[in-house]
Amino acid sequence: MAEHAEHSSFIKTPQQLIVVVLLAFLVPIFGVVMLVQLVTSRPHADPSALKPEAVATRVQPVGTIEVGAPAAAPGARTGEEVVKTVCGACHVAGVAGAPKIGDKAAWAPRIKEGLARLTAEAIKGITVKARCDAAARGGTDLSDVEVARAVVTWRTSPAAA
């Protein structure tokens, strides 16, 4: 006759048996109570959560990117703005031989040629041998009117006098 192995159980002591019996009752009861609570409770939200201000704060962007001040409309920049933002880049420091703003000796021969000639050179740019090229319109998208305003502004400023 073949021998049969005895059945084994994970419950070895009477205390383990009591714990298992109690849990066998309590776990299903807890599950039923939670299920009833879920089914019978009505979902509720904070009434102020749907106000436009609250919604706006929740959906606002994480960050913003600002590349710079918006460009003025073409032809709308003043002469002073053009001198500060464009002309000054080279003419304040005298970059690559550019005559410095306020240097009367360097500007005297150019001023003698007249306002029309000075404005025309600023618009079309100039090439000076052994120095550098001055880009037309300062290398920007300035209109002829803006370049003329800048030349007049520079010529009438105290530094040019």
C-alpha atoms as a PDB file:
ATOM      1  CA  MET A   1       0.000   0.000   0.000  1.00  0.00           C
ATOM      2  CA  ALA A   2       1.322   3.422  -0.909  1.00  0.00           C
ATOM      3  CA  GLU A   3       1.843   5.832   1.838  1.00  0.00           C
ATOM      4  CA  HIS A   4       0.048   9.151   1.700  1.00  0.00           C
ATOM      5  CA  ALA A   5       1.719  12.350   2.850  1.00  0.00           C
ATOM      6  CA  GLU A   6      -0.044  14.063   5.689  1.00  0.00           C
ATOM      7  CA  HIS A   7      -1.845  17.268   4.927  1.00  0.00           C
ATOM      8  CA  SER A   8       0.005  20.302   6.119  1.00  0.00           C
ATOM      9  CA  SER A   9      -1.453  23.680   7.086  1.00  0.00           C
ATOM     10  CA  PHE A  10       0.019  27.105   7.634  1.00  0.00           C
ATOM     11  CA  ILE A  11      -2.000  27.298  10.878  1.00  0.00           C
ATOM     12  CA  LYS A  12       0.113  25.670  13.515  1.00  0.00           C
ATOM     13  CA  THR A  13      -1.156  27.156  16.784  1.00  0.00           C
ATOM     14  CA  PRO A  14      -4.579  28.028  18.258  1.00  0.00           C
ATOM     15  CA  GLN A  15      -3.654  31.760  18.226  1.00  0.00           C
ATOM     16  CA  GLN A  16      -3.061  31.606  14.469  1.00  0.00           C
ATOM     17  CA  LEU A  17      -6.458  29.927  14.061  1.00  0.00           C
ATOM     18  CA  ILE A  18      -8.214  32.726  15.968  1.00  0.00           C
ATOM     19  CA  VAL A  19      -6.490  35.401  13.885  1.00  0.00           C
ATOM     20  CA  VAL A  20      -7.397  33.686  10.612  1.00  0.00           C
ATOM     21  CA  VAL A  21     -11.058  33.240  11.627  1.00  0.00           C
ATOM     22  CA  LEU A  22     -11.368  36.880  12.730  1.00  0.00           C
ATOM     23  CA  LEU A  23      -9.774  38.154   9.527  1.00  0.00           C
ATOM     24  CA  ALA A  24     -12.023  35.872   7.483  1.00  0.00           C
ATOM     25  CA  PHE A  25     -14.999  37.760   8.908  1.00  0.00           C
ATOM     26  CA  LEU A  26     -13.582  41.264   9.191  1.00  0.00           C
ATOM     27  CA  VAL A  27     -11.982  41.639   5.753  1.00  0.00           C
ATOM     28  CA  PRO A  28     -15.194  40.905   3.798  1.00  0.00           C
ATOM     29  CA  ILE A  29     -17.231  43.095   6.160  1.00  0.00           C
ATOM     30  CA  PHE A  30     -14.772  45.975   5.677  1.00  0.00           C
ATOM     31  CA  GLY A  31     -14.907  45.454   1.892  1.00  0.00           C
ATOM     32  CA  VAL A  32     -18.731  45.504   1.865  1.00  0.00           C
ATOM     33  CA  VAL A  33     -18.845  48.667   4.010  1.00  0.00           C
ATOM     34  CA  MET A  34     -16.400  50.445   1.675  1.00  0.00           C
ATOM     35  CA  LEU A  35     -18.361  49.334  -1.393  1.00  0.00           C
ATOM     36  CA  VAL A  36     -21.647  50.587   0.111  1.00  0.00           C
ATOM     37  CA  GLN A  37     -19.969  53.880   1.014  1.00  0.00           C
ATOM     38  CA  LEU A  38     -18.739  54.266  -2.573  1.00  0.00           C
ATOM     39  CA  VAL A  39     -22.132  53.504  -4.107  1.00  0.00           C
ATOM     40  CA  THR A  40     -24.273  55.621  -1.797  1.00  0.00           C
ATOM     41  CA  SER A  41     -22.089  58.700  -1.413  1.00  0.00           C
ATOM     42  CA  ARG A  42     -22.630  61.585  -3.778  1.00  0.00           C
ATOM     43  CA  PRO A  43     -19.535  63.134  -5.299  1.00  0.00           C
ATOM     44  CA  HIS A  44     -18.994  66.610  -3.981  1.00  0.00           C
ATOM     45  CA  ALA A  45     -16.597  69.325  -4.973  1.00  0.00           C
ATOM     46  CA  ASP A  46     -15.678  72.629  -3.513  1.00  0.00           C
ATOM     47  CA  PRO A  47     -18.196  75.123  -4.935  1.00  0.00           C
ATOM     48  CA  SER A  48     -15.475  77.729  -5.416  1.00  0.00           C
ATOM     49  CA  ALA A  49     -13.370  75.294  -7.461  1.00  0.00           C
ATOM     50  CA  LEU A  50     -15.346  76.078 -10.619  1.00  0.00           C
ATOM     51  CA  LYS A  51     -15.096  79.851 -10.380  1.00  0.00           C
ATOM     52  CA  PRO A  52     -13.226  81.355 -13.350  1.00  0.00           C
ATOM     53  CA  GLU A  53     -10.386  82.639 -11.167  1.00  0.00           C
ATOM     54  CA  ALA A  54      -9.795  79.210  -9.615  1.00  0.00           C
ATOM     55  CA  VAL A  55      -9.896  77.506 -13.006  1.00  0.00           C
ATOM     56  CA  ALA A  56      -7.487  80.078 -14.449  1.00  0.00           C
ATOM     57  CA  THR A  57      -4.956  79.474 -11.687  1.00  0.00           C
ATOM     58  CA  ARG A  58      -5.109  75.713 -12.211  1.00  0.00           C
ATOM     59  CA  VAL A  59      -4.652  75.873 -15.983  1.00  0.00           C
ATOM     60  CA  GLN A  60      -2.125  78.687 -16.170  1.00  0.00           C
ATOM     61  CA  PRO A  61       1.072  77.937 -18.078  1.00  0.00           C
ATOM     62  CA  VAL A  62       4.040  76.676 -16.132  1.00  0.00           C
ATOM     63  CA  GLY A  63       6.260  79.394 -17.564  1.00  0.00           C
ATOM     64  CA  THR A  64       6.474  82.038 -20.216  1.00  0.00           C
ATOM     65  CA  ILE A  65       9.139  83.046 -22.683  1.00  0.00           C
ATOM     66  CA  GLU A  66       9.747  86.672 -23.423  1.00  0.00           C
ATOM     67  CA  VAL A  67      12.257  87.273 -26.174  1.00  0.00           C
ATOM     68  CA  GLY A  68      12.334  91.031 -25.904  1.00  0.00           C
ATOM     69  CA  ALA A  69      10.307  94.141 -26.196  1.00  0.00           C
ATOM     70  CA  PRO A  70       7.958  94.132 -29.143  1.00  0.00           C
ATOM     71  CA  ALA A  71       9.411  95.849 -32.150  1.00  0.00           C
ATOM     72  CA  ALA A  72       7.960  99.165 -33.103  1.00  0.00           C
ATOM     73  CA  ALA A  73       6.038  99.329 -36.335  1.00  0.00           C
ATOM     74  CA  PRO A  74       8.264 100.093 -39.332  1.00  0.00           C
ATOM     75  CA  GLY A  75       8.769 103.827 -39.607  1.00  0.00           C
ATOM     76  CA  ALA A  76       7.477 104.485 -36.081  1.00  0.00           C
ATOM     77  CA  ARG A  77      10.795 104.603 -34.188  1.00  0.00           C
ATOM     78  CA  THR A  78      12.041 107.992 -33.116  1.00  0.00           C
ATOM     79  CA  GLY A  79      15.472 109.269 -34.035  1.00  0.00           C
ATOM     80  CA  GLU A  80      16.604 108.994 -30.419  1.00  0.00           C
ATOM     81  CA  GLU A  81      15.506 105.329 -30.250  1.00  0.00           C
ATOM     82  CA  VAL A  82      17.380 104.551 -33.457  1.00  0.00           C
ATOM     83  CA  VAL A  83      20.561 106.286 -32.266  1.00  0.00           C
ATOM     84  CA  LYS A  84      20.476 104.444 -28.913  1.00  0.00           C
ATOM     85  CA  THR A  85      19.623 100.987 -30.263  1.00  0.00           C
ATOM     86  CA  VAL A  86      21.305 100.892 -33.687  1.00  0.00           C
ATOM     87  CA  CYS A  87      23.801 103.664 -34.325  1.00  0.00           C
ATOM     88  CA  GLY A  88      25.233 103.638 -30.825  1.00  0.00           C
ATOM     89  CA  ALA A  89      26.393 100.034 -31.207  1.00  0.00           C
ATOM     90  CA  CYS A  90      29.301 101.229 -33.367  1.00  0.00           C
ATOM     91  CA  HIS A  91      29.429 104.998 -32.979  1.00  0.00           C
ATOM     92  CA  VAL A  92      29.562 105.196 -29.166  1.00  0.00           C
ATOM     93  CA  ALA A  93      32.737 103.108 -28.910  1.00  0.00           C
ATOM     94  CA  GLY A  94      34.142 103.914 -32.375  1.00  0.00           C
ATOM     95  CA  VAL A  95      34.092 100.260 -33.459  1.00  0.00           C
ATOM     96  CA  ALA A  96      36.247  99.492 -36.528  1.00  0.00           C
ATOM     97  CA  GLY A  97      37.015 103.137 -37.167  1.00  0.00           C
ATOM     98  CA  ALA A  98      33.454 104.432 -36.933  1.00  0.00           C
ATOM     99  CA  PRO A  99      33.537 108.086 -35.877  1.00  0.00           C
ATOM    100  CA  LYS A 100      32.429 108.388 -32.264  1.00  0.00           C
ATOM    101  CA  ILE A 101      29.331 110.358 -31.390  1.00  0.00           C
ATOM    102  CA  GLY A 102      30.573 113.659 -29.999  1.00  0.00           C
ATOM    103  CA  ASP A 103      33.979 113.571 -31.772  1.00  0.00           C
ATOM    104  CA  LYS A 104      33.764 116.898 -33.624  1.00  0.00           C
ATOM    105  CA  ALA A 105      37.044 116.448 -35.498  1.00  0.00           C
ATOM    106  CA  ALA A 106      36.029 113.059 -36.909  1.00  0.00           C
ATOM    107  CA  TRP A 107      32.580 114.244 -37.953  1.00  0.00           C
ATOM    108  CA  ALA A 108      33.532 117.686 -39.320  1.00  0.00           C
ATOM    109  CA  PRO A 109      34.372 116.526 -42.887  1.00  0.00           C
ATOM    110  CA  ARG A 110      31.182 114.488 -43.051  1.00  0.00           C
ATOM    111  CA  ILE A 111      29.012 117.304 -41.729  1.00  0.00           C
ATOM    112  CA  LYS A 112      30.499 119.700 -44.320  1.00  0.00           C
ATOM    113  CA  GLU A 113      29.124 117.426 -47.053  1.00  0.00           C
ATOM    114  CA  GLY A 114      25.626 118.202 -45.777  1.00  0.00           C
ATOM    115  CA  LEU A 115      22.679 116.506 -44.175  1.00  0.00           C
ATOM    116  CA  ALA A 116      21.422 114.964 -47.428  1.00  0.00           C
ATOM    117  CA  ARG A 117      24.780 113.281 -48.137  1.00  0.00           C
ATOM    118  CA  LEU A 118      25.173 112.059 -44.534  1.00  0.00           C
ATOM    119  CA  THR A 119      21.652 110.600 -44.605  1.00  0.00           C
ATOM    120  CA  ALA A 120      22.233 108.974 -48.010  1.00  0.00           C
ATOM    121  CA  GLU A 121      25.429 107.296 -46.768  1.00  0.00           C
ATOM    122  CA  ALA A 122      23.638 106.033 -43.661  1.00  0.00           C
ATOM    123  CA  ILE A 123      20.881 104.586 -45.860  1.00  0.00           C
ATOM    124  CA  LYS A 124      23.070 102.903 -48.481  1.00  0.00           C
ATOM    125  CA  GLY A 125      26.083 102.128 -46.295  1.00  0.00           C
ATOM    126  CA  ILE A 126      29.684 103.004 -47.030  1.00  0.00           C
ATOM    127  CA  THR A 127      32.835 101.067 -47.837  1.00  0.00           C
ATOM    128  CA  VAL A 128      36.041 102.539 -46.535  1.00  0.00           C
ATOM    129  CA  LYS A 129      39.313 101.088 -47.831  1.00  0.00           C
ATOM    130  CA  ALA A 130      41.537  99.548 -45.159  1.00  0.00           C
ATOM    131  CA  ARG A 131      38.826  99.939 -42.502  1.00  0.00           C
ATOM    132  CA  CYS A 132      35.448  98.288 -42.662  1.00  0.00           C
ATOM    133  CA  ASP A 133      32.065  98.382 -44.269  1.00  0.00           C
ATOM    134  CA  ALA A 134      29.305 100.359 -42.622  1.00  0.00           C
ATOM    135  CA  ALA A 135      26.177  98.346 -43.285  1.00  0.00           C
ATOM    136  CA  ALA A 136      23.245  99.964 -44.977  1.00  0.00           C
ATOM    137  CA  ARG A 137      20.707 101.191 -42.409  1.00  0.00           C
ATOM    138  CA  GLY A 138      23.039 100.000 -39.647  1.00  0.00           C
ATOM    139  CA  GLY A 139      22.404  96.404 -40.709  1.00  0.00           C
ATOM    140  CA  THR A 140      18.754  96.599 -39.640  1.00  0.00           C
ATOM    141  CA  ASP A 141      15.330  97.033 -41.182  1.00  0.00           C
ATOM    142  CA  LEU A 142      15.171 100.786 -40.581  1.00  0.00           C
ATOM    143  CA  SER A 143      13.115 102.784 -43.018  1.00  0.00           C
ATOM    144  CA  ASP A 144      14.593 105.774 -44.830  1.00  0.00           C
ATOM    145  CA  VAL A 145      12.521 108.067 -42.591  1.00  0.00           C
ATOM    146  CA  GLU A 146      13.898 106.441 -39.423  1.00  0.00           C
ATOM    147  CA  VAL A 147      17.483 106.768 -40.664  1.00  0.00           C
ATOM    148  CA  ALA A 148      16.873 110.441 -41.482  1.00  0.00           C
ATOM    149  CA  ARG A 149      15.372 110.994 -38.012  1.00  0.00           C
ATOM    150  CA  ALA A 150      18.446 109.395 -36.436  1.00  0.00           C
ATOM    151  CA  VAL A 151      20.835 111.608 -38.430  1.00  0.00           C
ATOM    152  CA  VAL A 152      18.884 114.744 -37.517  1.00  0.00           C
ATOM    153  CA  THR A 153      18.662 113.658 -33.858  1.00  0.00           C
ATOM    154  CA  TRP A 154      22.392 113.039 -33.718  1.00  0.00           C
ATOM    155  CA  ARG A 155      23.202 116.317 -35.469  1.00  0.00           C
ATOM    156  CA  THR A 156      21.010 118.320 -33.077  1.00  0.00           C
ATOM    157  CA  SER A 157      22.123 116.547 -29.880  1.00  0.00           C
ATOM    158  CA  PRO A 158      24.412 118.337 -27.406  1.00  0.00           C
ATOM    159  CA  ALA A 159      27.167 115.743 -28.008  1.00  0.00           C
ATOM    160  CA  ALA A 160      27.327 116.665 -31.679  1.00  0.00           C
ATOM    161  CA  ALA A 161      27.386 120.383 -31.101  1.00  0.00           C
END
